[in-house]
C-alpha atoms as a PDB file:
ATOM      1  CA  MET A   1      47.438 -35.696 -37.655  1.00  0.00           C
ATOM      2  CA  ARG A   2      48.054 -34.619 -34.774  1.00  0.00           C
ATOM      3  CA  ARG A   3      46.623 -31.501 -35.228  1.00  0.00           C
ATOM      4  CA  LEU A   4      43.612 -33.205 -37.181  1.00  0.00           C
ATOM      5  CA  TRP A   5      43.167 -34.968 -33.338  1.00  0.00           C
ATOM      6  CA  PHE A   6      43.413 -32.152 -31.015  1.00  0.00           C
ATOM      7  CA  LEU A   7      40.759 -30.444 -33.128  1.00  0.00           C
ATOM      8  CA  VAL A   8      38.536 -33.338 -32.970  1.00  0.00           C
ATOM      9  CA  VAL A   9      38.938 -33.556 -28.752  1.00  0.00           C
ATOM     10  CA  ALA A  10      38.645 -29.462 -28.503  1.00  0.00           C
ATOM     11  CA  VAL A  11      35.164 -29.734 -30.659  1.00  0.00           C
ATOM     12  CA  VAL A  12      34.207 -32.962 -28.388  1.00  0.00           C
ATOM     13  CA  LEU A  13      34.959 -30.834 -25.211  1.00  0.00           C
ATOM     14  CA  LEU A  14      33.246 -28.112 -26.306  1.00  0.00           C
ATOM     15  CA  ALA A  15      30.233 -29.844 -27.238  1.00  0.00           C
ATOM     16  CA  GLY A  16      30.445 -31.503 -23.980  1.00  0.00           C
ATOM     17  CA  GLY A  17      30.610 -28.425 -21.760  1.00  0.00           C
ATOM     18  CA  PHE A  18      28.028 -26.497 -23.784  1.00  0.00           C
ATOM     19  CA  PHE A  19      25.708 -29.527 -22.913  1.00  0.00           C
ATOM     20  CA  ALA A  20      26.572 -29.401 -19.649  1.00  0.00           C
ATOM     21  CA  TRP A  21      25.915 -25.919 -18.845  1.00  0.00           C
ATOM     22  CA  GLN A  22      22.449 -26.161 -20.968  1.00  0.00           C
ATOM     23  CA  ARG A  23      21.557 -29.146 -18.730  1.00  0.00           C
ATOM     24  CA  PHE A  24      22.551 -27.613 -15.259  1.00  0.00           C
ATOM     25  CA  ASP A  25      22.267 -23.883 -15.750  1.00  0.00           C
ATOM     26  CA  ARG A  26      18.237 -24.204 -15.647  1.00  0.00           C
ATOM     27  CA  HIS A  27      16.632 -21.081 -14.428  1.00  0.00           C
ATOM     28  CA  PRO A  28      13.416 -21.358 -12.342  1.00  0.00           C
ATOM     29  CA  THR A  29      10.350 -21.762 -14.847  1.00  0.00           C
ATOM     30  CA  GLU A  30       7.291 -20.117 -13.792  1.00  0.00           C
ATOM     31  CA  PRO A  31       4.372 -22.312 -13.700  1.00  0.00           C
ATOM     32  CA  PRO A  32       1.659 -22.616 -16.814  1.00  0.00           C
ATOM     33  CA  PRO A  33      -0.494 -19.687 -16.572  1.00  0.00           C
ATOM     34  CA  VAL A  34      -3.851 -21.089 -14.809  1.00  0.00           C
ATOM     35  CA  ALA A  35      -7.285 -20.411 -17.150  1.00  0.00           C
ATOM     36  CA  PRO A  36      -9.584 -18.293 -14.933  1.00  0.00           C
ATOM     37  CA  ASP A  37     -12.466 -20.316 -12.612  1.00  0.00           C
ATOM     38  CA  SER A  38     -15.612 -20.163 -15.462  1.00  0.00           C
ATOM     39  CA  ALA A  39     -17.543 -20.297 -12.188  1.00  0.00           C
ATOM     40  CA  GLU A  40     -16.000 -17.317 -10.494  1.00  0.00           C
ATOM     41  CA  THR A  41     -16.074 -14.995 -14.284  1.00  0.00           C
ATOM     42  CA  SER A  42     -19.592 -12.826 -14.127  1.00  0.00           C
ATOM     43  CA  VAL A  43     -22.120 -12.575 -17.310  1.00  0.00           C
ATOM     44  CA  ARG A  44     -24.583 -10.669 -17.717  1.00  0.00           C
ATOM     45  CA  SER A  45     -27.518 -11.781 -19.844  1.00  0.00           C
ATOM     46  CA  VAL A  46     -28.481  -9.424 -22.579  1.00  0.00           C
ATOM     47  CA  ALA A  47     -31.051  -8.689 -25.849  1.00  0.00           C
ATOM     48  CA  LEU A  48     -29.533  -8.830 -29.288  1.00  0.00           C
ATOM     49  CA  TRP A  49     -31.943  -7.744 -31.997  1.00  0.00           C
ATOM     50  CA  PHE A  50     -31.947  -9.717 -35.351  1.00  0.00           C
ATOM     51  CA  ALA A  51     -33.515  -9.922 -38.288  1.00  0.00           C
ATOM     52  CA  SER A  52     -35.717 -12.232 -38.255  1.00  0.00           C
ATOM     53  CA  PRO A  53     -35.915 -15.045 -41.064  1.00  0.00           C
ATOM     54  CA  GLU A  54     -37.794 -14.129 -43.337  1.00  0.00           C
ATOM     55  CA  GLY A  55     -36.786 -10.419 -42.868  1.00  0.00           C
ATOM     56  CA  ASP A  56     -39.782  -8.589 -42.224  1.00  0.00           C
ATOM     57  CA  SER A  57     -38.967  -8.046 -38.665  1.00  0.00           C
ATOM     58  CA  LEU A  58     -36.786  -7.743 -35.850  1.00  0.00           C
ATOM     59  CA  VAL A  59     -36.184 -10.648 -33.152  1.00  0.00           C
ATOM     60  CA  SER A  60     -34.753 -11.141 -29.574  1.00  0.00           C
ATOM     61  CA  GLU A  61     -32.060 -13.401 -29.319  1.00  0.00           C
ATOM     62  CA  PRO A  62     -30.745 -13.378 -25.322  1.00  0.00           C
ATOM     63  CA  ARG A  63     -27.075 -14.202 -24.443  1.00  0.00           C
ATOM     64  CA  ASP A  64     -24.870 -14.437 -22.338  1.00  0.00           C
ATOM     65  CA  LEU A  65     -21.492 -11.810 -22.513  1.00  0.00           C
ATOM     66  CA  PRO A  66     -18.913 -11.351 -19.636  1.00  0.00           C
ATOM     67  CA  GLU A  67     -19.567  -9.074 -17.479  1.00  0.00           C
ATOM     68  CA  GLN A  68     -17.210  -5.461 -18.249  1.00  0.00           C
ATOM     69  CA  PRO A  69     -17.326  -3.005 -15.428  1.00  0.00           C
ATOM     70  CA  GLU A  70     -16.081  -0.349 -17.771  1.00  0.00           C
ATOM     71  CA  PHE A  71     -18.600   1.231 -20.084  1.00  0.00           C
ATOM     72  CA  HIS A  72     -16.865   1.385 -23.524  1.00  0.00           C
ATOM     73  CA  ALA A  73     -15.665  -2.453 -23.065  1.00  0.00           C
ATOM     74  CA  ARG A  74     -19.535  -3.048 -22.415  1.00  0.00           C
ATOM     75  CA  MET A  75     -20.376  -1.320 -25.625  1.00  0.00           C
ATOM     76  CA  ALA A  76     -17.652  -3.441 -27.391  1.00  0.00           C
ATOM     77  CA  ALA A  77     -19.011  -6.203 -26.365  1.00  0.00           C
ATOM     78  CA  LEU A  78     -23.079  -5.613 -27.291  1.00  0.00           C
ATOM     79  CA  VAL A  79     -21.675  -4.537 -30.911  1.00  0.00           C
ATOM     80  CA  ALA A  80     -19.193  -7.506 -31.651  1.00  0.00           C
ATOM     81  CA  ALA A  81     -22.131  -9.590 -30.711  1.00  0.00           C
ATOM     82  CA  LEU A  82     -24.127  -8.268 -32.809  1.00  0.00           C
ATOM     83  CA  GLU A  83     -22.030  -8.392 -35.654  1.00  0.00           C
ATOM     84  CA  GLN A  84     -21.313 -11.850 -35.265  1.00  0.00           C
ATOM     85  CA  GLY A  85     -24.477 -12.646 -35.827  1.00  0.00           C
ATOM     86  CA  PRO A  86     -27.439 -14.876 -34.783  1.00  0.00           C
ATOM     87  CA  ARG A  87     -27.188 -18.418 -33.093  1.00  0.00           C
ATOM     88  CA  GLY A  88     -30.097 -19.557 -33.845  1.00  0.00           C
ATOM     89  CA  ASP A  89     -32.807 -19.479 -37.043  1.00  0.00           C
ATOM     90  CA  ALA A  90     -32.449 -15.318 -37.553  1.00  0.00           C
ATOM     91  CA  THR A  91     -30.409 -13.404 -39.395  1.00  0.00           C
ATOM     92  CA  ARG A  92     -27.362 -10.892 -39.161  1.00  0.00           C
ATOM     93  CA  THR A  93     -27.962  -7.022 -39.248  1.00  0.00           C
ATOM     94  CA  LEU A  94     -24.437  -5.633 -38.897  1.00  0.00           C
ATOM     95  CA  PRO A  95     -22.453  -5.979 -41.396  1.00  0.00           C
ATOM     96  CA  GLU A  96     -19.468  -8.226 -41.440  1.00  0.00           C
ATOM     97  CA  GLY A  97     -16.303  -6.340 -39.598  1.00  0.00           C
ATOM     98  CA  THR A  98     -18.653  -3.440 -38.228  1.00  0.00           C
ATOM     99  CA  GLU A  99     -16.693  -2.955 -34.825  1.00  0.00           C
ATOM    100  CA  LEU A 100     -16.835  -0.313 -31.910  1.00  0.00           C
ATOM    101  CA  LEU A 101     -14.354   2.531 -32.455  1.00  0.00           C
ATOM    102  CA  HIS A 102     -15.997   4.522 -29.645  1.00  0.00           C
ATOM    103  CA  ALA A 103     -18.621   4.951 -27.175  1.00  0.00           C
ATOM    104  CA  TYR A 104     -19.566   8.331 -25.347  1.00  0.00           C
ATOM    105  CA  LEU A 105     -22.961   8.753 -23.096  1.00  0.00           C
ATOM    106  CA  ASP A 106     -23.292  12.468 -22.461  1.00  0.00           C
ATOM    107  CA  GLU A 107     -25.225  13.600 -18.798  1.00  0.00           C
ATOM    108  CA  THR A 108     -28.526  13.881 -21.089  1.00  0.00           C
ATOM    109  CA  GLY A 109     -27.996  10.507 -21.884  1.00  0.00           C
ATOM    110  CA  LEU A 110     -27.118  10.872 -25.581  1.00  0.00           C
ATOM    111  CA  LEU A 111     -25.102   7.756 -26.534  1.00  0.00           C
ATOM    112  CA  THR A 112     -22.665   8.398 -29.471  1.00  0.00           C
ATOM    113  CA  LEU A 113     -21.474   5.260 -31.235  1.00  0.00           C
ATOM    114  CA  ASP A 114     -18.781   5.503 -33.297  1.00  0.00           C
ATOM    115  CA  LEU A 115     -18.143   2.562 -35.565  1.00  0.00           C
ATOM    116  CA  SER A 116     -15.941   1.202 -37.433  1.00  0.00           C
ATOM    117  CA  LEU A 117     -16.378   1.671 -41.764  1.00  0.00           C
ATOM    118  CA  ALA A 118     -17.356  -1.662 -41.962  1.00  0.00           C
ATOM    119  CA  PHE A 119     -20.379  -0.355 -40.718  1.00  0.00           C
ATOM    120  CA  ARG A 120     -21.267   1.689 -43.406  1.00  0.00           C
ATOM    121  CA  GLN A 121     -19.134   0.326 -46.372  1.00  0.00           C
ATOM    122  CA  GLY A 122     -20.762  -3.246 -45.835  1.00  0.00           C
ATOM    123  CA  PHE A 123     -24.040  -1.760 -46.465  1.00  0.00           C
ATOM    124  CA  GLN A 124     -25.971  -3.303 -48.947  1.00  0.00           C
ATOM    125  CA  GLY A 125     -29.818  -3.336 -49.245  1.00  0.00           C
ATOM    126  CA  GLY A 126     -32.578  -1.310 -49.758  1.00  0.00           C
ATOM    127  CA  ALA A 127     -34.699   0.696 -47.599  1.00  0.00           C
ATOM    128  CA  ARG A 128     -35.711  -2.313 -45.334  1.00  0.00           C
ATOM    129  CA  MET A 129     -32.445  -3.592 -44.980  1.00  0.00           C
ATOM    130  CA  GLU A 130     -31.941   0.083 -43.685  1.00  0.00           C
ATOM    131  CA  GLU A 131     -34.401  -0.392 -41.286  1.00  0.00           C
ATOM    132  CA  LEU A 132     -33.167  -3.615 -40.065  1.00  0.00           C
ATOM    133  CA  MET A 133     -29.801  -2.735 -39.862  1.00  0.00           C
ATOM    134  CA  VAL A 134     -30.159   0.572 -38.167  1.00  0.00           C
ATOM    135  CA  SER A 135     -33.170  -0.628 -35.683  1.00  0.00           C
ATOM    136  CA  SER A 136     -31.034  -4.295 -34.564  1.00  0.00           C
ATOM    137  CA  LEU A 137     -28.391  -1.664 -33.477  1.00  0.00           C
ATOM    138  CA  VAL A 138     -30.944   1.080 -31.561  1.00  0.00           C
ATOM    139  CA  ARG A 139     -32.986  -1.955 -29.901  1.00  0.00           C
ATOM    140  CA  THR A 140     -30.636  -3.912 -28.789  1.00  0.00           C
ATOM    141  CA  VAL A 141     -29.043  -0.944 -26.961  1.00  0.00           C
ATOM    142  CA  ALA A 142     -32.182   0.586 -25.985  1.00  0.00           C
ATOM    143  CA  ALA A 143     -32.652  -2.968 -24.259  1.00  0.00           C
ATOM    144  CA  ASN A 144     -29.405  -3.346 -22.540  1.00  0.00           C
ATOM    145  CA  VAL A 145     -27.873   0.376 -21.876  1.00  0.00           C
ATOM    146  CA  PRO A 146     -31.217   1.878 -20.327  1.00  0.00           C
ATOM    147  CA  GLU A 147     -29.253   5.249 -19.471  1.00  0.00           C
ATOM    148  CA  ALA A 148     -29.358   5.961 -23.302  1.00  0.00           C
ATOM    149  CA  LYS A 149     -32.308   8.583 -23.748  1.00  0.00           C
ATOM    150  CA  ARG A 150     -31.044   8.655 -27.844  1.00  0.00           C
ATOM    151  CA  ILE A 151     -28.273   7.361 -29.598  1.00  0.00           C
ATOM    152  CA  ARG A 152     -26.358   8.719 -32.554  1.00  0.00           C
ATOM    153  CA  ILE A 153     -24.233   6.876 -35.016  1.00  0.00           C
ATOM    154  CA  VAL A 154     -21.077   7.725 -36.479  1.00  0.00           C
ATOM    155  CA  CYS A 155     -18.721   5.935 -38.611  1.00  0.00           C
ATOM    156  CA  GLY A 156     -14.589   6.372 -38.490  1.00  0.00           C
ATOM    157  CA  GLY A 157     -15.398   9.399 -36.340  1.00  0.00           C
ATOM    158  CA  ALA A 158     -17.459  11.438 -38.507  1.00  0.00           C
ATOM    159  CA  ALA A 159     -21.155  12.283 -39.097  1.00  0.00           C
ATOM    160  CA  ILE A 160     -22.843  10.327 -41.747  1.00  0.00           C
ATOM    161  CA  SER A 161     -25.968  11.573 -42.927  1.00  0.00           C
ATOM    162  CA  THR A 162     -27.665   8.119 -43.889  1.00  0.00           C
ATOM    163  CA  LEU A 163     -26.628   4.602 -44.796  1.00  0.00           C
ATOM    164  CA  GLY A 164     -28.883   4.324 -48.175  1.00  0.00           C
ATOM    165  CA  GLY A 165     -30.933   7.184 -48.067  1.00  0.00           C
ATOM    166  CA  HIS A 166     -33.478   6.706 -45.984  1.00  0.00           C
ATOM    167  CA  PHE A 167     -33.195   6.566 -42.799  1.00  0.00           C
ATOM    168  CA  PRO A 168     -31.854  10.049 -41.228  1.00  0.00           C
ATOM    169  CA  LEU A 169     -28.359   9.567 -39.057  1.00  0.00           C
ATOM    170  CA  ASP A 170     -27.043  12.955 -39.089  1.00  0.00           C
ATOM    171  CA  ARG A 171     -29.236  13.331 -35.634  1.00  0.00           C
ATOM    172  CA  PRO A 172     -29.474  11.249 -32.292  1.00  0.00           C
ATOM    173  CA  LEU A 173     -32.570   8.609 -32.732  1.00  0.00           C
ATOM    174  CA  ASP A 174     -34.914   8.061 -30.510  1.00  0.00           C
ATOM    175  CA  PRO A 175     -35.445   4.699 -29.281  1.00  0.00           C
ATOM    176  CA  ASP A 176     -39.044   4.449 -29.038  1.00  0.00           C
ATOM    177  CA  ASP A 177     -39.254   5.523 -32.728  1.00  0.00           C
ATOM    178  CA  TRP A 178     -37.338   1.397 -33.604  1.00  0.00           C
ATOM    179  CA  PRO A 179     -40.371  -0.068 -31.993  1.00  0.00           C
END
């Protein structure tokens, strides 16, 4: 009995010591993170091109995107905004899951866009859908990246000859040819 009493007292003392240690051995905590002031975040107005509700043409949708000082981040934001689809009545043109893997602008104005495989694998349409998809991407880039004089589209680091057999993608595209 005496041994049981001694064991109970020891457990109570250990628990009390642990509680006191937890209570009084506090480390200074960091203040919670503060969200950036939206008034200080600069935005950039862009024009995104989506398919019209009828699917017979493209329509422009203005959108404000956070300003990105780095070129790849700017291009990735444009592609992501297109992939998210329109906010109005227009229709999405890029397949869901399309992402920009890499963007490279050379000194001649050739912009190479390396898109994720979802761009090619998500294509499900005929000639008209192929035209709207490519035109949407080309017109969005041309409207927002004036230094891009020609655009090359590759997927997963590899050149593609076409999406659906109707428009060649194995050579750079001139934005003037995609009104």
